[in-house]
Amino acid sequence: TGVSINDLRKNLRDLNDHMERECASSVARYGILLDASLITGIDPPPE
């Protein structure tokens, strides 16, 4: 716990939910509705 990559991978669903909430205003801003953001991979450099 505390390693950012591990935290992000473990909470990938929460990250997607947060993006949907934050981008809900795109309808009023740009006339585009974001149905879902599907972040599927978080990959650090090989080293």
All heavy atoms as atom14 arrays in JSON, in Angstrom:
{
  "sequence": "TGVSINDLRKNLRDLNDHMERECASSVARYGILLDASLITGIDPPPE",
  "atom14_mask": [
    [1, 1, 1, 1, 1, 1, 1, 0, 0, 0, 0, 0, 0, 0],
    [1, 1, 1, 1, 0, 0, 0, 0, 0, 0, 0, 0, 0, 0],
    [1, 1, 1, 1, 1, 1, 1, 0, 0, 0, 0, 0, 0, 0],
    [1, 1, 1, 1, 1, 1, 0, 0, 0, 0, 0, 0, 0, 0],
    [1, 1, 1, 1, 1, 1, 1, 1, 0, 0, 0, 0, 0, 0],
    [1, 1, 1, 1, 1, 1, 1, 1, 0, 0, 0, 0, 0, 0],
    [1, 1, 1, 1, 1, 1, 1, 1, 0, 0, 0, 0, 0, 0],
    [1, 1, 1, 1, 1, 1, 1, 1, 0, 0, 0, 0, 0, 0],
    [1, 1, 1, 1, 1, 1, 1, 1, 1, 1, 1, 0, 0, 0],
    [1, 1, 1, 1, 1, 1, 1, 1, 1, 0, 0, 0, 0, 0],
    [1, 1, 1, 1, 1, 1, 1, 1, 0, 0, 0, 0, 0, 0],
    [1, 1, 1, 1, 1, 1, 1, 1, 0, 0, 0, 0, 0, 0],
    [1, 1, 1, 1, 1, 1, 1, 1, 1, 1, 1, 0, 0, 0],
    [1, 1, 1, 1, 1, 1, 1, 1, 0, 0, 0, 0, 0, 0],
    [1, 1, 1, 1, 1, 1, 1, 1, 0, 0, 0, 0, 0, 0],
    [1, 1, 1, 1, 1, 1, 1, 1, 0, 0, 0, 0, 0, 0],
    [1, 1, 1, 1, 1, 1, 1, 1, 0, 0, 0, 0, 0, 0],
    [1, 1, 1, 1, 1, 1, 1, 1, 1, 1, 0, 0, 0, 0],
    [1, 1, 1, 1, 1, 1, 1, 1, 0, 0, 0, 0, 0, 0],
    [1, 1, 1, 1, 1, 1, 1, 1, 1, 0, 0, 0, 0, 0],
    [1, 1, 1, 1, 1, 1, 1, 1, 1, 1, 1, 0, 0, 0],
    [1, 1, 1, 1, 1, 1, 1, 1, 1, 0, 0, 0, 0, 0],
    [1, 1, 1, 1, 1, 1, 0, 0, 0, 0, 0, 0, 0, 0],
    [1, 1, 1, 1, 1, 0, 0, 0, 0, 0, 0, 0, 0, 0],
    [1, 1, 1, 1, 1, 1, 0, 0, 0, 0, 0, 0, 0, 0],
    [1, 1, 1, 1, 1, 1, 0, 0, 0, 0, 0, 0, 0, 0],
    [1, 1, 1, 1, 1, 1, 1, 0, 0, 0, 0, 0, 0, 0],
    [1, 1, 1, 1, 1, 0, 0, 0, 0, 0, 0, 0, 0, 0],
    [1, 1, 1, 1, 1, 1, 1, 1, 1, 1, 1, 0, 0, 0],
    [1, 1, 1, 1, 1, 1, 1, 1, 1, 1, 1, 1, 0, 0],
    [1, 1, 1, 1, 0, 0, 0, 0, 0, 0, 0, 0, 0, 0],
    [1, 1, 1, 1, 1, 1, 1, 1, 0, 0, 0, 0, 0, 0],
    [1, 1, 1, 1, 1, 1, 1, 1, 0, 0, 0, 0, 0, 0],
    [1, 1, 1, 1, 1, 1, 1, 1, 0, 0, 0, 0, 0, 0],
    [1, 1, 1, 1, 1, 1, 1, 1, 0, 0, 0, 0, 0, 0],
    [1, 1, 1, 1, 1, 0, 0, 0, 0, 0, 0, 0, 0, 0],
    [1, 1, 1, 1, 1, 1, 0, 0, 0, 0, 0, 0, 0, 0],
    [1, 1, 1, 1, 1, 1, 1, 1, 0, 0, 0, 0, 0, 0],
    [1, 1, 1, 1, 1, 1, 1, 1, 0, 0, 0, 0, 0, 0],
    [1, 1, 1, 1, 1, 1, 1, 0, 0, 0, 0, 0, 0, 0],
    [1, 1, 1, 1, 0, 0, 0, 0, 0, 0, 0, 0, 0, 0],
    [1, 1, 1, 1, 1, 1, 1, 1, 0, 0, 0, 0, 0, 0],
    [1, 1, 1, 1, 1, 1, 1, 1, 0, 0, 0, 0, 0, 0],
    [1, 1, 1, 1, 1, 1, 1, 0, 0, 0, 0, 0, 0, 0],
    [1, 1, 1, 1, 1, 1, 1, 0, 0, 0, 0, 0, 0, 0],
    [1, 1, 1, 1, 1, 1, 1, 0, 0, 0, 0, 0, 0, 0],
    [1, 1, 1, 1, 1, 1, 1, 1, 1, 0, 0, 0, 0, 0]
  ],
  "atom14_positions": [
    [[0.84, -1.19, 0.0], [0.0, 0.0, 0.0], [0.88, 1.25, 0.0], [1.87, 1.32, 0.7], [-0.92, 0.0, 1.23], [-1.73, -1.16, 1.18], [-1.78, 1.23, 1.25], [0.0, 0.0, 0.0], [0.0, 0.0, 0.0], [0.0, 0.0, 0.0], [0.0, 0.0, 0.0], [0.0, 0.0, 0.0], [0.0, 0.0, 0.0], [0.0, 0.0, 0.0]],
    [[0.47, 2.24, -0.79], [1.25, 3.47, -0.89], [2.03, 3.57, -2.17], [2.47, 4.65, -2.54], [0.0, 0.0, 0.0], [0.0, 0.0, 0.0], [0.0, 0.0, 0.0], [0.0, 0.0, 0.0], [0.0, 0.0, 0.0], [0.0, 0.0, 0.0], [0.0, 0.0, 0.0], [0.0, 0.0, 0.0], [0.0, 0.0, 0.0], [0.0, 0.0, 0.0]],
    [[2.22, 2.44, -2.88], [2.85, 2.47, -4.19], [1.77, 2.86, -5.19], [0.78, 2.16, -5.34], [3.48, 1.11, -4.55], [4.13, 1.17, -5.92], [4.49, 0.71, -3.49], [0.0, 0.0, 0.0], [0.0, 0.0, 0.0], [0.0, 0.0, 0.0], [0.0, 0.0, 0.0], [0.0, 0.0, 0.0], [0.0, 0.0, 0.0], [0.0, 0.0, 0.0]],
    [[1.94, 3.99, -5.87], [0.87, 4.58, -6.67], [0.36, 3.63, -7.75], [-0.85, 3.52, -7.97], [1.36, 5.88, -7.32], [2.51, 5.63, -8.11], [0.0, 0.0, 0.0], [0.0, 0.0, 0.0], [0.0, 0.0, 0.0], [0.0, 0.0, 0.0], [0.0, 0.0, 0.0], [0.0, 0.0, 0.0], [0.0, 0.0, 0.0], [0.0, 0.0, 0.0]],
    [[1.27, 2.92, -8.43], [0.84, 2.02, -9.51], [-0.06, 0.92, -8.95], [-1.12, 0.61, -9.52], [2.05, 1.42, -10.23], [2.9, 2.52, -10.85], [1.61, 0.45, -11.31], [2.23, 3.31, -11.92], [0.0, 0.0, 0.0], [0.0, 0.0, 0.0], [0.0, 0.0, 0.0], [0.0, 0.0, 0.0], [0.0, 0.0, 0.0], [0.0, 0.0, 0.0]],
    [[0.34, 0.33, -7.82], [-0.47, -0.72, -7.21], [-1.82, -0.18, -6.76], [-2.86, -0.82, -6.93], [0.27, -1.33, -6.02], [1.41, -2.25, -6.45], [1.36, -2.83, -7.53], [2.42, -2.37, -5.62], [0.0, 0.0, 0.0], [0.0, 0.0, 0.0], [0.0, 0.0, 0.0], [0.0, 0.0, 0.0], [0.0, 0.0, 0.0], [0.0, 0.0, 0.0]],
    [[-1.81, 1.01, -6.16], [-3.07, 1.61, -5.71], [-4.02, 1.85, -6.88], [-5.22, 1.61, -6.78], [-2.79, 2.93, -4.99], [-2.06, 2.72, -3.67], [-2.05, 1.57, -3.19], [-1.49, 3.68, -3.15], [0.0, 0.0, 0.0], [0.0, 0.0, 0.0], [0.0, 0.0, 0.0], [0.0, 0.0, 0.0], [0.0, 0.0, 0.0], [0.0, 0.0, 0.0]],
    [[-3.48, 2.34, -7.99], [-4.31, 2.61, -9.15], [-4.88, 1.32, -9.74], [-6.04, 1.24, -10.12], [-3.5, 3.35, -10.21], [-3.17, 4.81, -9.9], [-2.12, 5.35, -10.84], [-4.43, 5.67, -9.97], [0.0, 0.0, 0.0], [0.0, 0.0, 0.0], [0.0, 0.0, 0.0], [0.0, 0.0, 0.0], [0.0, 0.0, 0.0], [0.0, 0.0, 0.0]],
    [[-4.04, 0.3, -9.82], [-4.51, -0.97, -10.38], [-5.58, -1.61, -9.51], [-6.55, -2.19, -10.02], [-3.33, -1.93, -10.56], [-2.41, -1.57, -11.72], [-1.19, -2.44, -11.75], [-0.42, -2.26, -12.98], [0.77, -2.8, -13.2], [1.33, -3.57, -12.27], [1.4, -2.58, -14.34], [0.0, 0.0, 0.0], [0.0, 0.0, 0.0], [0.0, 0.0, 0.0]],
    [[-5.42, -1.52, -8.18], [-6.4, -2.12, -7.28], [-7.72, -1.37, -7.29], [-8.77, -1.94, -6.99], [-5.84, -2.16, -5.86], [-4.67, -3.11, -5.68], [-4.13, -3.04, -4.26], [-2.92, -3.94, -4.08], [-2.35, -3.83, -2.71], [0.0, 0.0, 0.0], [0.0, 0.0, 0.0], [0.0, 0.0, 0.0], [0.0, 0.0, 0.0], [0.0, 0.0, 0.0]],
    [[-7.67, -0.08, -7.6], [-8.87, 0.77, -7.55], [-9.25, 1.26, -8.94], [-9.7, 2.4, -9.11], [-8.64, 1.95, -6.62], [-8.36, 1.53, -5.19], [-9.27, 1.29, -4.41], [-7.09, 1.42, -4.84], [0.0, 0.0, 0.0], [0.0, 0.0, 0.0], [0.0, 0.0, 0.0], [0.0, 0.0, 0.0], [0.0, 0.0, 0.0], [0.0, 0.0, 0.0]],
    [[-9.08, 0.4, -9.94], [-9.35, 0.8, -11.33], [-10.83, 1.13, -11.52], [-11.18, 2.07, -12.24], [-8.93, -0.32, -12.28], [-8.81, 0.05, -13.75], [-7.82, 1.18, -13.94], [-8.36, -1.17, -14.57], [0.0, 0.0, 0.0], [0.0, 0.0, 0.0], [0.0, 0.0, 0.0], [0.0, 0.0, 0.0], [0.0, 0.0, 0.0], [0.0, 0.0, 0.0]],
    [[-11.7, 0.39, -10.87], [-13.13, 0.67, -11.0], [-13.48, 2.03, -10.41], [-14.27, 2.79, -10.98], [-13.94, -0.43, -10.31], [-15.44, -0.25, -10.39], [-16.19, -1.41, -9.8], [-17.62, -1.23, -9.89], [-18.51, -2.1, -9.44], [-18.1, -3.23, -8.89], [-19.8, -1.85, -9.54], [0.0, 0.0, 0.0], [0.0, 0.0, 0.0], [0.0, 0.0, 0.0]],
    [[-12.9, 2.35, -9.25], [-13.16, 3.66, -8.65], [-12.64, 4.78, -9.55], [-13.26, 5.85, -9.63], [-12.48, 3.75, -7.28], [-13.09, 2.8, -6.27], [-14.25, 2.4, -6.49], [-12.42, 2.44, -5.29], [0.0, 0.0, 0.0], [0.0, 0.0, 0.0], [0.0, 0.0, 0.0], [0.0, 0.0, 0.0], [0.0, 0.0, 0.0], [0.0, 0.0, 0.0]],
    [[-11.53, 4.54, -10.22], [-10.98, 5.54, -11.13], [-11.94, 5.78, -12.3], [-12.19, 6.93, -12.69], [-9.61, 5.09, -11.64], [-8.89, 6.04, -12.61], [-8.62, 7.38, -11.93], [-7.58, 5.43, -13.07], [0.0, 0.0, 0.0], [0.0, 0.0, 0.0], [0.0, 0.0, 0.0], [0.0, 0.0, 0.0], [0.0, 0.0, 0.0], [0.0, 0.0, 0.0]],
    [[-12.48, 4.71, -12.86], [-13.44, 4.86, -13.96], [-14.71, 5.58, -13.5], [-15.24, 6.44, -14.22], [-13.8, 3.48, -14.53], [-12.71, 2.91, -15.42], [-12.09, 3.63, -16.2], [-12.45, 1.63, -15.31], [0.0, 0.0, 0.0], [0.0, 0.0, 0.0], [0.0, 0.0, 0.0], [0.0, 0.0, 0.0], [0.0, 0.0, 0.0], [0.0, 0.0, 0.0]],
    [[-15.19, 5.24, -12.31], [-16.38, 5.91, -11.78], [-16.12, 7.4, -11.57], [-16.99, 8.24, -11.84], [-16.82, 5.26, -10.47], [-17.33, 3.84, -10.66], [-17.67, 3.49, -11.81], [-17.36, 3.08, -9.68], [0.0, 0.0, 0.0], [0.0, 0.0, 0.0], [0.0, 0.0, 0.0], [0.0, 0.0, 0.0], [0.0, 0.0, 0.0], [0.0, 0.0, 0.0]],
    [[-14.95, 7.72, -11.08], [-14.6, 9.14, -10.87], [-14.59, 9.89, -12.19], [-15.08, 11.03, -12.27], [-13.23, 9.23, -10.19], [-12.72, 10.63, -10.09], [-13.1, 11.51, -9.1], [-11.83, 11.33, -10.88], [-12.49, 12.66, -9.27], [-11.71, 12.59, -10.34], [0.0, 0.0, 0.0], [0.0, 0.0, 0.0], [0.0, 0.0, 0.0], [0.0, 0.0, 0.0]],
    [[-14.04, 9.28, -13.24], [-13.98, 9.94, -14.54], [-15.39, 10.18, -15.09], [-15.66, 11.22, -15.7], [-13.15, 9.11, -15.51], [-11.68, 9.04, -15.15], [-10.9, 10.66, -14.96], [-11.19, 11.36, -16.59], [0.0, 0.0, 0.0], [0.0, 0.0, 0.0], [0.0, 0.0, 0.0], [0.0, 0.0, 0.0], [0.0, 0.0, 0.0], [0.0, 0.0, 0.0]],
    [[-16.28, 9.24, -14.89], [-17.66, 9.43, -15.36], [-18.33, 10.59, -14.64], [-19.05, 11.39, -15.25], [-18.45, 8.13, -15.16], [-18.04, 7.0, -16.1], [-18.95, 5.81, -15.97], [-20.15, 6.01, -15.65], [-18.48, 4.68, -16.18], [0.0, 0.0, 0.0], [0.0, 0.0, 0.0], [0.0, 0.0, 0.0], [0.0, 0.0, 0.0], [0.0, 0.0, 0.0]],
    [[-18.1, 10.68, -13.34], [-18.72, 11.78, -12.58], [-18.14, 13.13, -12.99], [-18.87, 14.1, -13.18], [-18.51, 11.56, -11.08], [-19.27, 10.39, -10.5], [-19.24, 10.44, -8.99], [-17.88, 10.39, -8.47], [-17.24, 9.27, -8.15], [-17.85, 8.1, -8.29], [-16.01, 9.31, -7.68], [0.0, 0.0, 0.0], [0.0, 0.0, 0.0], [0.0, 0.0, 0.0]],
    [[-16.82, 13.19, -13.13], [-16.18, 14.46, -13.45], [-16.51, 14.92, -14.87], [-16.54, 16.13, -15.14], [-14.66, 14.33, -13.28], [-14.2, 14.2, -11.85], [-14.53, 15.43, -11.03], [-14.38, 16.55, -11.55], [-14.96, 15.28, -9.87], [0.0, 0.0, 0.0], [0.0, 0.0, 0.0], [0.0, 0.0, 0.0], [0.0, 0.0, 0.0], [0.0, 0.0, 0.0]],
    [[-16.73, 13.99, -15.77], [-16.99, 14.34, -17.17], [-18.47, 14.45, -17.47], [-18.86, 14.59, -18.64], [-16.34, 13.31, -18.11], [-14.53, 13.31, -18.03], [0.0, 0.0, 0.0], [0.0, 0.0, 0.0], [0.0, 0.0, 0.0], [0.0, 0.0, 0.0], [0.0, 0.0, 0.0], [0.0, 0.0, 0.0], [0.0, 0.0, 0.0], [0.0, 0.0, 0.0]],
    [[-19.31, 14.38, -16.44], [-20.75, 14.52, -16.67], [-21.11, 15.9, -17.19], [-22.16, 16.09, -17.82], [-21.52, 14.22, -15.37], [0.0, 0.0, 0.0], [0.0, 0.0, 0.0], [0.0, 0.0, 0.0], [0.0, 0.0, 0.0], [0.0, 0.0, 0.0], [0.0, 0.0, 0.0], [0.0, 0.0, 0.0], [0.0, 0.0, 0.0], [0.0, 0.0, 0.0]],
    [[-20.25, 16.89, -16.94], [-20.53, 18.25, -17.41], [-20.23, 18.45, -18.89], [-20.46, 19.54, -19.42], [-19.71, 19.26, -16.6], [-18.31, 19.04, -16.78], [0.0, 0.0, 0.0], [0.0, 0.0, 0.0], [0.0, 0.0, 0.0], [0.0, 0.0, 0.0], [0.0, 0.0, 0.0], [0.0, 0.0, 0.0], [0.0, 0.0, 0.0], [0.0, 0.0, 0.0]],
    [[-19.7, 17.41, -19.57], [-19.37, 17.57, -20.99], [-20.61, 17.81, -21.84], [-20.52, 18.37, -22.93], [-18.62, 16.32, -21.49], [-19.44, 15.17, -21.39], [0.0, 0.0, 0.0], [0.0, 0.0, 0.0], [0.0, 0.0, 0.0], [0.0, 0.0, 0.0], [0.0, 0.0, 0.0], [0.0, 0.0, 0.0], [0.0, 0.0, 0.0], [0.0, 0.0, 0.0]],
    [[-21.77, 17.38, -21.36], [-23.02, 17.63, -22.11], [-23.28, 19.13, -22.19], [-23.57, 19.67, -23.27], [-24.2, 16.91, -21.44], [-25.5, 17.23, -22.17], [-23.96, 15.4, -21.44], [0.0, 0.0, 0.0], [0.0, 0.0, 0.0], [0.0, 0.0, 0.0], [0.0, 0.0, 0.0], [0.0, 0.0, 0.0], [0.0, 0.0, 0.0], [0.0, 0.0, 0.0]],
    [[-23.19, 19.8, -21.05], [-23.44, 21.25, -21.04], [-22.3, 22.02, -21.7], [-22.53, 23.09, -22.26], [-23.64, 21.73, -19.61], [0.0, 0.0, 0.0], [0.0, 0.0, 0.0], [0.0, 0.0, 0.0], [0.0, 0.0, 0.0], [0.0, 0.0, 0.0], [0.0, 0.0, 0.0], [0.0, 0.0, 0.0], [0.0, 0.0, 0.0], [0.0, 0.0, 0.0]],
    [[-21.09, 21.5, -21.65], [-19.94, 22.2, -22.22], [-19.87, 22.06, -23.73], [-19.75, 23.06, -24.46], [-18.64, 21.64, -21.62], [-18.42, 21.93, -20.15], [-17.22, 21.17, -19.64], [-16.95, 21.4, -18.24], [-16.13, 22.33, -17.77], [-15.48, 23.11, -18.61], [-15.94, 22.49, -16.47], [0.0, 0.0, 0.0], [0.0, 0.0, 0.0], [0.0, 0.0, 0.0]],
    [[-19.93, 20.81, -24.2], [-19.62, 20.54, -25.62], [-20.73, 19.82, -26.38], [-20.59, 19.54, -27.55], [-18.34, 19.71, -25.72], [-17.23, 20.2, -24.84], [-16.75, 19.43, -23.77], [-16.66, 21.45, -25.05], [-15.73, 19.88, -22.95], [-15.64, 21.91, -24.23], [-15.17, 21.12, -23.18], [-14.18, 21.57, -22.38], [0.0, 0.0, 0.0], [0.0, 0.0, 0.0]],
    [[-21.83, 19.49, -25.69], [-22.91, 18.78, -26.37], [-22.58, 17.33, -26.63], [-23.16, 16.71, -27.52], [0.0, 0.0, 0.0], [0.0, 0.0, 0.0], [0.0, 0.0, 0.0], [0.0, 0.0, 0.0], [0.0, 0.0, 0.0], [0.0, 0.0, 0.0], [0.0, 0.0, 0.0], [0.0, 0.0, 0.0], [0.0, 0.0, 0.0], [0.0, 0.0, 0.0]],
    [[-21.66, 16.75, -25.87], [-21.27, 15.35, -26.02], [-21.43, 14.66, -24.68], [-20.97, 15.16, -23.65], [-19.81, 15.22, -26.51], [-19.7, 15.78, -27.93], [-19.35, 13.78, -26.48], [-18.29, 15.7, -28.49], [0.0, 0.0, 0.0], [0.0, 0.0, 0.0], [0.0, 0.0, 0.0], [0.0, 0.0, 0.0], [0.0, 0.0, 0.0], [0.0, 0.0, 0.0]],
    [[-22.1, 13.52, -24.68], [-22.31, 12.75, -23.47], [-21.32, 11.59, -23.44], [-21.28, 10.76, -24.36], [-23.74, 12.21, -23.42], [-24.05, 11.23, -22.29], [-23.91, 11.92, -20.94], [-25.45, 10.65, -22.45], [0.0, 0.0, 0.0], [0.0, 0.0, 0.0], [0.0, 0.0, 0.0], [0.0, 0.0, 0.0], [0.0, 0.0, 0.0], [0.0, 0.0, 0.0]],
    [[-20.51, 11.51, -22.38], [-19.59, 10.4, -22.19], [-20.35, 9.27, -21.5], [-20.67, 9.35, -20.32], [-18.39, 10.83, -21.36], [-17.45, 11.85, -22.02], [-16.33, 12.23, -21.06], [-16.86, 11.29, -23.3], [0.0, 0.0, 0.0], [0.0, 0.0, 0.0], [0.0, 0.0, 0.0], [0.0, 0.0, 0.0], [0.0, 0.0, 0.0], [0.0, 0.0, 0.0]],
    [[-20.64, 8.22, -22.26], [-21.36, 7.08, -21.68], [-20.52, 6.34, -20.66], [-21.01, 5.93, -19.62], [-21.78, 6.11, -22.8], [-23.06, 6.57, -23.48], [-23.69, 7.5, -22.96], [-23.42, 6.03, -24.52], [0.0, 0.0, 0.0], [0.0, 0.0, 0.0], [0.0, 0.0, 0.0], [0.0, 0.0, 0.0], [0.0, 0.0, 0.0], [0.0, 0.0, 0.0]],
    [[-19.25, 6.15, -20.96], [-18.38, 5.41, -20.04], [-16.93, 5.62, -20.44], [-16.61, 5.82, -21.61], [-18.71, 3.91, -20.06], [0.0, 0.0, 0.0], [0.0, 0.0, 0.0], [0.0, 0.0, 0.0], [0.0, 0.0, 0.0], [0.0, 0.0, 0.0], [0.0, 0.0, 0.0], [0.0, 0.0, 0.0], [0.0, 0.0, 0.0], [0.0, 0.0, 0.0]],
    [[-16.08, 5.58, -19.43], [-14.63, 5.56, -19.66], [-14.13, 4.21, -19.18], [-14.34, 3.84, -18.03], [-13.95, 6.7, -18.91], [-14.16, 6.57, -17.52], [0.0, 0.0, 0.0], [0.0, 0.0, 0.0], [0.0, 0.0, 0.0], [0.0, 0.0, 0.0], [0.0, 0.0, 0.0], [0.0, 0.0, 0.0], [0.0, 0.0, 0.0], [0.0, 0.0, 0.0]],
    [[-13.49, 3.49, -20.08], [-13.04, 2.14, -19.76], [-11.52, 2.11, -19.76], [-10.89, 1.8, -20.77], [-13.61, 1.15, -20.79], [-15.14, 1.17, -20.95], [-15.57, 0.26, -22.08], [-15.83, 0.77, -19.65], [0.0, 0.0, 0.0], [0.0, 0.0, 0.0], [0.0, 0.0, 0.0], [0.0, 0.0, 0.0], [0.0, 0.0, 0.0], [0.0, 0.0, 0.0]],
    [[-10.93, 2.45, -18.62], [-9.48, 2.38, -18.47], [-9.13, 0.93, -18.17], [-9.5, 0.39, -17.12], [-9.0, 3.3, -17.35], [-9.46, 4.74, -17.63], [-7.48, 3.25, -17.21], [-9.19, 5.7, -16.5], [0.0, 0.0, 0.0], [0.0, 0.0, 0.0], [0.0, 0.0, 0.0], [0.0, 0.0, 0.0], [0.0, 0.0, 0.0], [0.0, 0.0, 0.0]],
    [[-8.43, 0.29, -19.08], [-8.19, -1.15, -18.96], [-6.78, -1.49, -18.54], [-6.53, -2.6, -18.07], [-8.48, -1.84, -20.3], [-7.69, -1.22, -21.34], [-9.95, -1.68, -20.67], [0.0, 0.0, 0.0], [0.0, 0.0, 0.0], [0.0, 0.0, 0.0], [0.0, 0.0, 0.0], [0.0, 0.0, 0.0], [0.0, 0.0, 0.0], [0.0, 0.0, 0.0]],
    [[-5.81, -0.58, -18.71], [-4.43, -0.91, -18.39], [-3.67, 0.27, -17.84], [-3.83, 1.4, -18.3], [0.0, 0.0, 0.0], [0.0, 0.0, 0.0], [0.0, 0.0, 0.0], [0.0, 0.0, 0.0], [0.0, 0.0, 0.0], [0.0, 0.0, 0.0], [0.0, 0.0, 0.0], [0.0, 0.0, 0.0], [0.0, 0.0, 0.0], [0.0, 0.0, 0.0]],
    [[-2.85, 0.0, -16.82], [-1.96, 1.0, -16.23], [-0.58, 0.35, -16.17], [-0.34, -0.52, -15.32], [-2.42, 1.44, -14.84], [-3.84, 2.05, -14.93], [-1.46, 2.44, -14.23], [-4.4, 2.46, -13.59], [0.0, 0.0, 0.0], [0.0, 0.0, 0.0], [0.0, 0.0, 0.0], [0.0, 0.0, 0.0], [0.0, 0.0, 0.0], [0.0, 0.0, 0.0]],
    [[0.3, 0.74, -17.07], [1.59, 0.07, -17.21], [2.73, 1.06, -17.0], [2.85, 2.04, -17.75], [1.7, -0.56, -18.6], [0.59, -1.58, -18.86], [0.34, -2.39, -17.96], [-0.02, -1.54, -19.95], [0.0, 0.0, 0.0], [0.0, 0.0, 0.0], [0.0, 0.0, 0.0], [0.0, 0.0, 0.0], [0.0, 0.0, 0.0], [0.0, 0.0, 0.0]],
    [[3.58, 0.8, -16.01], [4.75, 1.65, -15.79], [5.88, 1.27, -16.75], [5.78, 0.28, -17.48], [5.13, 1.34, -14.34], [4.69, -0.08, -14.16], [3.45, -0.23, -14.99], [0.0, 0.0, 0.0], [0.0, 0.0, 0.0], [0.0, 0.0, 0.0], [0.0, 0.0, 0.0], [0.0, 0.0, 0.0], [0.0, 0.0, 0.0], [0.0, 0.0, 0.0]],
    [[6.98, 2.02, -16.78], [8.14, 1.66, -17.61], [8.69, 0.28, -17.2], [8.49, -0.16, -16.07], [9.14, 2.78, -17.32], [8.32, 3.92, -16.85], [7.17, 3.32, -16.12], [0.0, 0.0, 0.0], [0.0, 0.0, 0.0], [0.0, 0.0, 0.0], [0.0, 0.0, 0.0], [0.0, 0.0, 0.0], [0.0, 0.0, 0.0], [0.0, 0.0, 0.0]],
    [[9.41, -0.39, -18.1], [9.92, -1.75, -17.8], [10.78, -1.8, -16.56], [10.7, -2.75, -15.77], [10.72, -2.1, -19.06], [10.12, -1.27, -20.14], [9.7, 0.01, -19.5], [0.0, 0.0, 0.0], [0.0, 0.0, 0.0], [0.0, 0.0, 0.0], [0.0, 0.0, 0.0], [0.0, 0.0, 0.0], [0.0, 0.0, 0.0], [0.0, 0.0, 0.0]],
    [[11.64, -0.79, -16.34], [12.52, -0.84, -15.17], [11.73, -0.7, -13.88], [12.14, -1.23, -12.83], [13.57, 0.28, -15.26], [13.0, 1.7, -15.3], [12.66, 2.17, -16.7], [12.64, 1.3, -17.61], [12.44, 3.37, -16.89], [0.0, 0.0, 0.0], [0.0, 0.0, 0.0], [0.0, 0.0, 0.0], [0.0, 0.0, 0.0], [0.0, 0.0, 0.0]]
  ]
}
